[in-house]
Amino acid sequence: MSISLDALVIGAYRQTLPQIAHLIDKAEEHCRAHGLPDEALTGASLADDMWNFAKQVFECGHHSARAIQGARAGVFGPELDPAPLDLASLRKEISDSLAFVETVEPGELDAMVGRDMRFEFRTKRMDFTVEDFFLSFSLPNFYFHATTTYDVLRCQGLPLGKRDYLGMLRLKKSEPAS
């Protein structure tokens, strides 16, 4: 049995992006319940040398919707601007990213398998095939930023569990009992 690039990549985005939106909702609930400004959480990070919650959320959009756009163009690079610190902008980032992912035609990524793809940052260049770009670079980055988004909120005391991260599992469809 083979598995498609579409199933791996698009399936991951469809499962995880709604959970990032859920985490943003949880962050907003926490801020409102405790009389905190958005920046109390959106500016928080796990370590001084790590990006904050807002940038982690933003990178989930970057390594999903904009990674697909990059694969279409054959080139992808970082977005180094700071992310907005208001929760409404972060919610829009994830909503827009998920909406874009939903427009990807079935089989589109599969049709790109074997095509050249590169990552560029200043003078650095890394050459990939589209499938290796997604599977060894962009998708691991996507999961890293999604996990870090969750972890920042946990470290800030939000009562979250694994279910808040995992989202809707893609379970096997069972046949009705006869």
C-alpha atoms as a PDB file:
ATOM      1  CA  MET A   1       0.000   0.000   0.000  1.00  0.00           C
ATOM      2  CA  SER A   2       1.220   3.473  -0.774  1.00  0.00           C
ATOM      3  CA  ILE A   3       0.221   6.705   0.896  1.00  0.00           C
ATOM      4  CA  SER A   4      -0.085  10.005  -0.877  1.00  0.00           C
ATOM      5  CA  LEU A   5       1.712  13.249  -0.138  1.00  0.00           C
ATOM      6  CA  ASP A   6      -1.707  14.903  -0.087  1.00  0.00           C
ATOM      7  CA  ALA A   7      -2.914  12.571   2.678  1.00  0.00           C
ATOM      8  CA  LEU A   8       0.189  13.168   4.775  1.00  0.00           C
ATOM      9  CA  VAL A   9       0.527  16.908   4.392  1.00  0.00           C
ATOM     10  CA  ILE A  10      -2.996  18.209   3.870  1.00  0.00           C
ATOM     11  CA  GLY A  11      -4.300  15.742   6.461  1.00  0.00           C
ATOM     12  CA  ALA A  12      -1.822  17.091   9.024  1.00  0.00           C
ATOM     13  CA  TYR A  13      -2.849  20.672   8.362  1.00  0.00           C
ATOM     14  CA  ARG A  14      -6.562  19.868   8.530  1.00  0.00           C
ATOM     15  CA  GLN A  15      -6.087  18.119  11.857  1.00  0.00           C
ATOM     16  CA  THR A  16      -3.743  20.587  13.540  1.00  0.00           C
ATOM     17  CA  LEU A  17      -4.707  24.073  12.316  1.00  0.00           C
ATOM     18  CA  PRO A  18      -8.161  23.905  13.979  1.00  0.00           C
ATOM     19  CA  GLN A  19      -6.398  22.970  17.214  1.00  0.00           C
ATOM     20  CA  ILE A  20      -4.171  26.028  16.941  1.00  0.00           C
ATOM     21  CA  ALA A  21      -7.366  28.091  16.597  1.00  0.00           C
ATOM     22  CA  HIS A  22      -8.687  26.271  19.688  1.00  0.00           C
ATOM     23  CA  LEU A  23      -5.496  27.182  21.594  1.00  0.00           C
ATOM     24  CA  ILE A  24      -5.958  30.828  20.599  1.00  0.00           C
ATOM     25  CA  ASP A  25      -9.511  30.638  21.985  1.00  0.00           C
ATOM     26  CA  LYS A  26      -8.164  29.148  25.215  1.00  0.00           C
ATOM     27  CA  ALA A  27      -5.570  31.934  25.437  1.00  0.00           C
ATOM     28  CA  GLU A  28      -8.289  34.549  24.978  1.00  0.00           C
ATOM     29  CA  GLU A  29     -10.519  32.919  27.628  1.00  0.00           C
ATOM     30  CA  HIS A  30      -7.580  32.920  30.036  1.00  0.00           C
ATOM     31  CA  CYS A  31      -6.727  36.566  29.377  1.00  0.00           C
ATOM     32  CA  ARG A  32     -10.332  37.702  29.799  1.00  0.00           C
ATOM     33  CA  ALA A  33     -10.877  35.611  32.944  1.00  0.00           C
ATOM     34  CA  HIS A  34      -7.739  37.016  34.555  1.00  0.00           C
ATOM     35  CA  GLY A  35      -7.999  40.604  33.287  1.00  0.00           C
ATOM     36  CA  LEU A  36      -4.827  40.278  31.225  1.00  0.00           C
ATOM     37  CA  PRO A  37      -3.977  41.945  27.933  1.00  0.00           C
ATOM     38  CA  ASP A  38      -3.415  39.635  24.946  1.00  0.00           C
ATOM     39  CA  GLU A  39       0.312  40.375  25.126  1.00  0.00           C
ATOM     40  CA  ALA A  40       0.529  38.615  28.495  1.00  0.00           C
ATOM     41  CA  LEU A  41       0.314  35.353  26.532  1.00  0.00           C
ATOM     42  CA  THR A  42       1.156  36.304  22.960  1.00  0.00           C
ATOM     43  CA  GLY A  43       4.466  37.757  24.096  1.00  0.00           C
ATOM     44  CA  ALA A  44       5.347  34.737  26.261  1.00  0.00           C
ATOM     45  CA  SER A  45       7.987  32.218  25.203  1.00  0.00           C
ATOM     46  CA  LEU A  46       9.607  29.100  26.607  1.00  0.00           C
ATOM     47  CA  ALA A  47      13.074  30.671  26.718  1.00  0.00           C
ATOM     48  CA  ASP A  48      14.586  34.084  26.130  1.00  0.00           C
ATOM     49  CA  ASP A  49      16.106  32.993  22.835  1.00  0.00           C
ATOM     50  CA  MET A  50      12.893  31.450  21.449  1.00  0.00           C
ATOM     51  CA  TRP A  51      10.100  33.042  19.479  1.00  0.00           C
ATOM     52  CA  ASN A  52       7.035  34.030  21.451  1.00  0.00           C
ATOM     53  CA  PHE A  53       3.568  32.475  21.311  1.00  0.00           C
ATOM     54  CA  ALA A  54       2.447  34.893  18.573  1.00  0.00           C
ATOM     55  CA  LYS A  55       5.353  33.981  16.287  1.00  0.00           C
ATOM     56  CA  GLN A  56       4.841  30.252  16.962  1.00  0.00           C
ATOM     57  CA  VAL A  57       1.201  30.588  15.847  1.00  0.00           C
ATOM     58  CA  PHE A  58       2.233  32.640  12.836  1.00  0.00           C
ATOM     59  CA  GLU A  59       4.774  29.984  11.817  1.00  0.00           C
ATOM     60  CA  CYS A  60       2.016  27.360  11.803  1.00  0.00           C
ATOM     61  CA  GLY A  61       0.411  29.384   9.021  1.00  0.00           C
ATOM     62  CA  HIS A  62       3.747  29.890   7.316  1.00  0.00           C
ATOM     63  CA  HIS A  63       4.599  26.186   7.294  1.00  0.00           C
ATOM     64  CA  SER A  64       1.150  25.199   6.030  1.00  0.00           C
ATOM     65  CA  ALA A  65      -0.521  27.576   3.580  1.00  0.00           C
ATOM     66  CA  ARG A  66       2.619  29.442   2.554  1.00  0.00           C
ATOM     67  CA  ALA A  67       4.591  26.203   2.285  1.00  0.00           C
ATOM     68  CA  ILE A  68       2.061  25.011  -0.288  1.00  0.00           C
ATOM     69  CA  GLN A  69       2.355  28.332  -2.111  1.00  0.00           C
ATOM     70  CA  GLY A  70       6.128  27.902  -1.997  1.00  0.00           C
ATOM     71  CA  ALA A  71       5.869  24.391  -3.436  1.00  0.00           C
ATOM     72  CA  ARG A  72       3.759  25.770  -6.271  1.00  0.00           C
ATOM     73  CA  ALA A  73       6.387  28.432  -6.963  1.00  0.00           C
ATOM     74  CA  GLY A  74       9.353  26.111  -6.382  1.00  0.00           C
ATOM     75  CA  VAL A  75      10.880  28.330  -3.697  1.00  0.00           C
ATOM     76  CA  PHE A  76      10.173  29.001  -0.018  1.00  0.00           C
ATOM     77  CA  GLY A  77      11.808  31.271   2.528  1.00  0.00           C
ATOM     78  CA  PRO A  78      11.356  32.519   6.068  1.00  0.00           C
ATOM     79  CA  GLU A  79       9.194  35.420   7.168  1.00  0.00           C
ATOM     80  CA  LEU A  80      11.250  37.267   9.728  1.00  0.00           C
ATOM     81  CA  ASP A  81       8.888  40.092  10.626  1.00  0.00           C
ATOM     82  CA  PRO A  82       7.463  39.947  14.128  1.00  0.00           C
ATOM     83  CA  ALA A  83       3.975  38.509  14.399  1.00  0.00           C
ATOM     84  CA  PRO A  84       1.149  40.724  15.625  1.00  0.00           C
ATOM     85  CA  LEU A  85       0.545  40.389  19.348  1.00  0.00           C
ATOM     86  CA  ASP A  86      -3.238  40.597  19.322  1.00  0.00           C
ATOM     87  CA  LEU A  87      -5.222  37.369  19.432  1.00  0.00           C
ATOM     88  CA  ALA A  88      -7.674  38.512  16.742  1.00  0.00           C
ATOM     89  CA  SER A  89      -4.839  38.808  14.190  1.00  0.00           C
ATOM     90  CA  LEU A  90      -3.471  35.400  15.161  1.00  0.00           C
ATOM     91  CA  ARG A  91      -6.948  33.877  14.854  1.00  0.00           C
ATOM     92  CA  LYS A  92      -7.235  35.397  11.358  1.00  0.00           C
ATOM     93  CA  GLU A  93      -3.810  34.016  10.401  1.00  0.00           C
ATOM     94  CA  ILE A  94      -4.896  30.487  11.274  1.00  0.00           C
ATOM     95  CA  SER A  95      -8.362  30.886   9.779  1.00  0.00           C
ATOM     96  CA  ASP A  96      -6.905  32.189   6.512  1.00  0.00           C
ATOM     97  CA  SER A  97      -4.320  29.398   6.443  1.00  0.00           C
ATOM     98  CA  LEU A  98      -6.940  26.706   6.965  1.00  0.00           C
ATOM     99  CA  ALA A  99      -9.213  28.277   4.345  1.00  0.00           C
ATOM    100  CA  PHE A 100      -6.316  28.219   1.885  1.00  0.00           C
ATOM    101  CA  VAL A 101      -5.491  24.586   2.685  1.00  0.00           C
ATOM    102  CA  GLU A 102      -9.119  23.692   1.973  1.00  0.00           C
ATOM    103  CA  THR A 103      -8.757  25.106  -1.563  1.00  0.00           C
ATOM    104  CA  VAL A 104      -5.966  22.689  -2.487  1.00  0.00           C
ATOM    105  CA  GLU A 105      -7.320  20.296  -5.086  1.00  0.00           C
ATOM    106  CA  PRO A 106      -7.067  16.580  -4.235  1.00  0.00           C
ATOM    107  CA  GLY A 107      -3.957  15.174  -5.880  1.00  0.00           C
ATOM    108  CA  GLU A 108      -2.241  18.550  -6.310  1.00  0.00           C
ATOM    109  CA  LEU A 109       0.674  17.750  -4.007  1.00  0.00           C
ATOM    110  CA  ASP A 110       0.910  14.219  -5.376  1.00  0.00           C
ATOM    111  CA  ALA A 111       1.324  15.733  -8.845  1.00  0.00           C
ATOM    112  CA  MET A 112       4.325  17.725  -7.570  1.00  0.00           C
ATOM    113  CA  VAL A 113       6.267  14.673  -6.378  1.00  0.00           C
ATOM    114  CA  GLY A 114       9.742  14.705  -7.901  1.00  0.00           C
ATOM    115  CA  ARG A 115       9.689  18.409  -8.751  1.00  0.00           C
ATOM    116  CA  ASP A 116      12.544  20.632  -7.643  1.00  0.00           C
ATOM    117  CA  MET A 117      11.973  22.829  -4.621  1.00  0.00           C
ATOM    118  CA  ARG A 118      14.364  25.067  -2.729  1.00  0.00           C
ATOM    119  CA  PHE A 119      14.535  26.932   0.523  1.00  0.00           C
ATOM    120  CA  GLU A 120      16.286  30.287   0.344  1.00  0.00           C
ATOM    121  CA  PHE A 121      17.408  32.529   3.177  1.00  0.00           C
ATOM    122  CA  ARG A 122      19.823  35.334   2.393  1.00  0.00           C
ATOM    123  CA  THR A 123      22.824  33.522   0.885  1.00  0.00           C
ATOM    124  CA  LYS A 124      21.748  30.067   2.106  1.00  0.00           C
ATOM    125  CA  ARG A 125      20.061  27.699  -0.298  1.00  0.00           C
ATOM    126  CA  MET A 126      18.806  24.159   0.306  1.00  0.00           C
ATOM    127  CA  ASP A 127      17.616  22.133  -2.666  1.00  0.00           C
ATOM    128  CA  PHE A 128      14.855  19.558  -2.207  1.00  0.00           C
ATOM    129  CA  THR A 129      12.283  17.629  -4.113  1.00  0.00           C
ATOM    130  CA  VAL A 130       8.781  18.802  -3.193  1.00  0.00           C
ATOM    131  CA  GLU A 131       8.127  15.663  -1.150  1.00  0.00           C
ATOM    132  CA  ASP A 132      11.404  15.966   0.758  1.00  0.00           C
ATOM    133  CA  PHE A 133      10.745  19.654   1.378  1.00  0.00           C
ATOM    134  CA  PHE A 134       7.423  18.819   3.032  1.00  0.00           C
ATOM    135  CA  LEU A 135       8.424  15.607   4.804  1.00  0.00           C
ATOM    136  CA  SER A 136      11.880  16.570   6.075  1.00  0.00           C
ATOM    137  CA  PHE A 137      11.657  20.333   6.466  1.00  0.00           C
ATOM    138  CA  SER A 138       8.316  22.098   6.402  1.00  0.00           C
ATOM    139  CA  LEU A 139       6.066  19.522   8.083  1.00  0.00           C
ATOM    140  CA  PRO A 140       8.540  18.968  10.969  1.00  0.00           C
ATOM    141  CA  ASN A 141       8.723  22.752  11.377  1.00  0.00           C
ATOM    142  CA  PHE A 142       4.918  22.934  11.344  1.00  0.00           C
ATOM    143  CA  TYR A 143       4.682  20.359  14.146  1.00  0.00           C
ATOM    144  CA  PHE A 144       7.486  22.024  16.101  1.00  0.00           C
ATOM    145  CA  HIS A 145       5.682  25.371  16.086  1.00  0.00           C
ATOM    146  CA  ALA A 146       2.296  23.771  16.827  1.00  0.00           C
ATOM    147  CA  THR A 147       3.771  21.911  19.791  1.00  0.00           C
ATOM    148  CA  THR A 148       5.580  24.997  21.036  1.00  0.00           C
ATOM    149  CA  THR A 149       2.336  26.988  20.781  1.00  0.00           C
ATOM    150  CA  TYR A 150       0.729  24.435  23.114  1.00  0.00           C
ATOM    151  CA  ASP A 151       3.773  24.315  25.397  1.00  0.00           C
ATOM    152  CA  VAL A 152       3.924  28.094  25.872  1.00  0.00           C
ATOM    153  CA  LEU A 153       0.324  28.117  27.089  1.00  0.00           C
ATOM    154  CA  ARG A 154       0.947  25.152  29.403  1.00  0.00           C
ATOM    155  CA  CYS A 155       3.971  26.932  30.880  1.00  0.00           C
ATOM    156  CA  GLN A 156       1.786  29.990  31.447  1.00  0.00           C
ATOM    157  CA  GLY A 157      -0.537  27.881  33.583  1.00  0.00           C
ATOM    158  CA  LEU A 158      -3.397  27.179  31.191  1.00  0.00           C
ATOM    159  CA  PRO A 159      -5.170  23.906  31.987  1.00  0.00           C
ATOM    160  CA  LEU A 160      -4.657  22.111  28.685  1.00  0.00           C
ATOM    161  CA  GLY A 161      -4.420  18.415  27.924  1.00  0.00           C
ATOM    162  CA  LYS A 162      -3.272  16.288  25.043  1.00  0.00           C
ATOM    163  CA  ARG A 163      -6.754  16.387  23.502  1.00  0.00           C
ATOM    164  CA  ASP A 164      -6.385  20.174  23.141  1.00  0.00           C
ATOM    165  CA  TYR A 165      -3.403  19.467  20.885  1.00  0.00           C
ATOM    166  CA  LEU A 166      -4.384  16.321  18.964  1.00  0.00           C
ATOM    167  CA  GLY A 167      -7.676  17.427  17.484  1.00  0.00           C
ATOM    168  CA  MET A 168      -9.936  15.244  15.367  1.00  0.00           C
ATOM    169  CA  LEU A 169      -8.293  11.890  14.772  1.00  0.00           C
ATOM    170  CA  ARG A 170      -8.638  10.292  11.355  1.00  0.00           C
ATOM    171  CA  LEU A 171     -10.210   7.027  12.437  1.00  0.00           C
ATOM    172  CA  LYS A 172     -10.897   4.053  10.223  1.00  0.00           C
ATOM    173  CA  LYS A 173     -14.438   4.021   8.985  1.00  0.00           C
ATOM    174  CA  SER A 174     -16.139   0.871  10.165  1.00  0.00           C
ATOM    175  CA  GLU A 175     -18.761  -1.053   8.308  1.00  0.00           C
ATOM    176  CA  PRO A 176     -22.215  -1.058   9.893  1.00  0.00           C
ATOM    177  CA  ALA A 177     -23.001  -4.267  11.769  1.00  0.00           C
ATOM    178  CA  SER A 178     -25.458  -6.485  10.000  1.00  0.00           C
END
